[in-house]
Amino acid sequence: MTTLPKILESKAKIRFQHCDPFNHLNNAEYINYMINAREDQIIDHYNLDLFKMAQTQGISWVVGTNQIAYLRPTFLMEDIIIDSQLFFHTENELHVEIRMWNHDKTELKAVMWSSFVHFNLLKQKRWNHTPELMELFNSILNPLEATTFNERILQLKPQKV
């Protein structure tokens, strides 16, 4: 049995159309980059294609909540790394932390906690995960010590002396 990675990572480049007049990544675009990266990562690493599941099974996930902290600016044409991990789950929810870094992961740009609700598109209601999905989630779960978003941000921020 192959051990699946618990932290997934991918690269991106910040594009002109996503920036403000100061050449900073627009606030809302952080969320797009982070969610898009997570979607690609779970397809690549877990063979979990949300769109295919929606089309073939009528189930998928919808975003329940996002909490984001903007720690450092991200600039036009900057190469970034986005990593993510599942840190908590229930029978019908997933809680993921997504982090945006500079190209060599020496500067944390942003952190986001997202909750995703498993949803039956045909019945238009919350839906429990299958035993196979629960097995996957249990195998990739990477819990955090922090119990609140603000506590987590304090853990991740560089300490100033």
Protein backbone atom coordinates (compact mmCIF):
# COMPACT_ATOMS: atom_id res chain seq x y z
CA MET A 1 0.00 0.00 0.00
CA THR A 2 1.34 3.42 -0.99
CA THR A 3 1.44 6.10 1.66
CA LEU A 4 -0.22 9.25 0.41
CA PRO A 5 1.36 12.64 1.18
CA LYS A 6 -0.36 14.65 3.90
CA ILE A 7 0.92 18.02 2.71
CA LEU A 8 0.42 18.78 -0.97
CA GLU A 9 2.41 21.41 -2.84
CA SER A 10 2.29 23.16 -6.20
CA LYS A 11 3.72 26.20 -7.94
CA ALA A 12 2.07 29.16 -9.64
CA LYS A 13 2.95 32.54 -11.12
CA ILE A 14 1.03 35.70 -10.26
CA ARG A 15 -0.57 37.16 -13.39
CA PHE A 16 -1.25 40.76 -14.41
CA GLN A 17 -5.05 40.48 -14.54
CA HIS A 18 -5.12 39.37 -10.88
CA CYS A 19 -3.24 42.39 -9.55
CA ASP A 20 -4.24 45.83 -8.33
CA PRO A 21 -2.72 49.13 -9.59
CA PHE A 22 0.17 48.69 -7.10
CA ASN A 23 1.13 45.35 -8.71
CA HIS A 24 -0.01 43.47 -5.60
CA LEU A 25 -2.17 40.39 -5.86
CA ASN A 26 -5.79 41.50 -5.29
CA ASN A 27 -7.30 40.26 -1.97
CA ALA A 28 -9.99 38.12 -3.61
CA GLU A 29 -7.48 36.54 -5.99
CA TYR A 30 -5.57 34.97 -3.10
CA ILE A 31 -8.63 32.79 -2.53
CA ASN A 32 -8.83 31.85 -6.21
CA TYR A 33 -5.15 30.89 -6.38
CA MET A 34 -5.40 28.87 -3.16
CA ILE A 35 -8.63 27.00 -3.99
CA ASN A 36 -7.48 26.29 -7.56
CA ALA A 37 -4.18 24.92 -6.24
CA ARG A 38 -5.97 22.64 -3.77
CA GLU A 39 -8.30 21.32 -6.50
CA ASP A 40 -5.32 20.51 -8.74
CA GLN A 41 -3.36 18.98 -5.86
CA ILE A 42 -6.08 16.53 -4.84
CA ILE A 43 -6.55 15.41 -8.44
CA ASP A 44 -2.80 14.89 -8.87
CA HIS A 45 -2.09 13.23 -5.51
CA TYR A 46 -5.34 11.56 -4.45
CA ASN A 47 -7.05 11.02 -7.81
CA LEU A 48 -10.02 12.93 -6.38
CA ASP A 49 -11.63 14.89 -9.20
CA LEU A 50 -14.43 17.04 -7.77
CA PHE A 51 -15.88 17.89 -11.16
CA LYS A 52 -15.92 14.33 -12.38
CA MET A 53 -17.64 13.24 -9.15
CA ALA A 54 -20.25 15.96 -9.62
CA GLN A 55 -20.93 14.83 -13.20
CA THR A 56 -20.92 11.08 -12.63
CA GLN A 57 -22.19 10.71 -9.04
CA GLY A 58 -24.05 13.96 -8.38
CA ILE A 59 -21.93 14.69 -5.31
CA SER A 60 -19.17 17.15 -4.58
CA TRP A 61 -18.15 19.74 -2.00
CA VAL A 62 -19.15 23.36 -1.62
CA VAL A 63 -17.21 25.96 0.30
CA GLY A 64 -18.79 26.51 3.71
CA THR A 65 -16.40 29.12 5.12
CA ASN A 66 -13.09 30.80 4.40
CA GLN A 67 -10.85 32.57 6.88
CA ILE A 68 -7.79 34.22 5.40
CA ALA A 69 -4.86 36.18 6.80
CA TYR A 70 -2.79 38.30 4.44
CA LEU A 71 0.69 38.32 5.95
CA ARG A 72 2.94 39.69 3.19
CA PRO A 73 2.20 41.18 -0.23
CA THR A 74 2.40 39.00 -3.32
CA PHE A 75 3.56 40.73 -6.49
CA LEU A 76 2.96 40.65 -10.22
CA MET A 77 4.90 37.84 -11.98
CA GLU A 78 6.10 36.43 -8.65
CA ASP A 79 6.63 32.68 -8.51
CA ILE A 80 4.84 31.22 -5.51
CA ILE A 81 4.36 27.89 -3.81
CA ILE A 82 1.01 26.88 -2.39
CA ASP A 83 0.79 24.00 0.04
CA SER A 84 -2.26 22.53 1.70
CA GLN A 85 -3.38 19.89 4.16
CA LEU A 86 -6.53 18.37 5.58
CA PHE A 87 -6.43 19.13 9.30
CA PHE A 88 -9.91 18.03 10.42
CA HIS A 89 -12.93 16.21 9.01
CA THR A 90 -16.34 14.92 9.97
CA GLU A 91 -18.77 12.60 8.22
CA ASN A 92 -19.76 15.47 5.89
CA GLU A 93 -17.19 18.26 6.21
CA LEU A 94 -13.53 18.82 5.40
CA HIS A 95 -11.34 21.48 6.98
CA VAL A 96 -8.24 22.44 5.02
CA GLU A 97 -5.37 24.81 5.65
CA ILE A 98 -3.82 26.38 2.55
CA ARG A 99 -0.61 28.42 2.71
CA MET A 100 0.90 30.70 0.06
CA TRP A 101 4.70 31.13 0.10
CA ASN A 102 7.36 32.89 -1.92
CA HIS A 103 9.33 30.77 -4.43
CA ASP A 104 11.67 29.18 -1.85
CA LYS A 105 9.24 29.00 1.09
CA THR A 106 11.18 31.50 3.19
CA GLU A 107 8.32 34.02 3.34
CA LEU A 108 4.75 33.12 4.18
CA LYS A 109 2.39 35.34 2.18
CA ALA A 110 -1.06 34.19 3.30
CA VAL A 111 -2.86 31.46 5.24
CA MET A 112 -6.41 30.32 4.69
CA TRP A 113 -8.67 27.89 6.52
CA SER A 114 -11.52 26.60 4.37
CA SER A 115 -14.34 24.31 5.31
CA PHE A 116 -15.95 22.25 2.57
CA VAL A 117 -19.39 20.68 2.95
CA HIS A 118 -20.04 17.41 1.15
CA PHE A 119 -23.13 18.01 -0.94
CA ASN A 120 -25.56 15.92 -2.97
CA LEU A 121 -26.32 17.99 -6.06
CA LEU A 122 -29.30 15.86 -7.04
CA LYS A 123 -31.02 16.09 -3.66
CA GLN A 124 -29.70 19.61 -2.93
CA LYS A 125 -28.59 18.79 0.61
CA ARG A 126 -25.61 18.00 2.79
CA TRP A 127 -24.40 14.44 2.26
CA ASN A 128 -22.27 12.04 4.29
CA HIS A 129 -18.96 10.82 2.93
CA THR A 130 -18.76 7.23 1.74
CA PRO A 131 -16.68 4.73 3.76
CA GLU A 132 -14.04 4.88 0.98
CA LEU A 133 -13.77 8.66 1.28
CA MET A 134 -13.60 8.42 5.09
CA GLU A 135 -10.75 5.91 4.73
CA LEU A 136 -8.91 8.32 2.41
CA PHE A 137 -9.44 11.27 4.76
CA ASN A 138 -8.26 9.27 7.78
CA SER A 139 -5.08 8.31 5.91
CA ILE A 140 -4.19 11.89 4.89
CA LEU A 141 -5.36 13.72 8.02
CA ASN A 142 -2.66 16.05 9.35
CA PRO A 143 -4.04 17.72 12.49
CA LEU A 144 -2.86 21.10 13.74
CA GLU A 145 -2.06 22.02 17.33
CA ALA A 146 -3.95 25.30 17.06
CA THR A 147 -7.65 25.14 17.75
CA THR A 148 -8.53 28.59 16.36
CA PHE A 149 -7.52 30.47 13.23
CA ASN A 150 -6.05 33.38 15.20
CA GLU A 151 -3.99 31.00 17.32
CA ARG A 152 -2.68 29.38 14.13
CA ILE A 153 -1.72 32.74 12.63
CA LEU A 154 0.26 33.58 15.76
CA GLN A 155 2.08 30.24 15.45
CA LEU A 156 2.99 30.92 11.82
CA LYS A 157 3.93 34.60 12.00
CA PRO A 158 7.65 35.26 12.38
CA GLN A 159 8.36 36.41 15.92
CA LYS A 160 9.75 39.94 16.18
CA VAL A 161 12.28 40.47 18.95
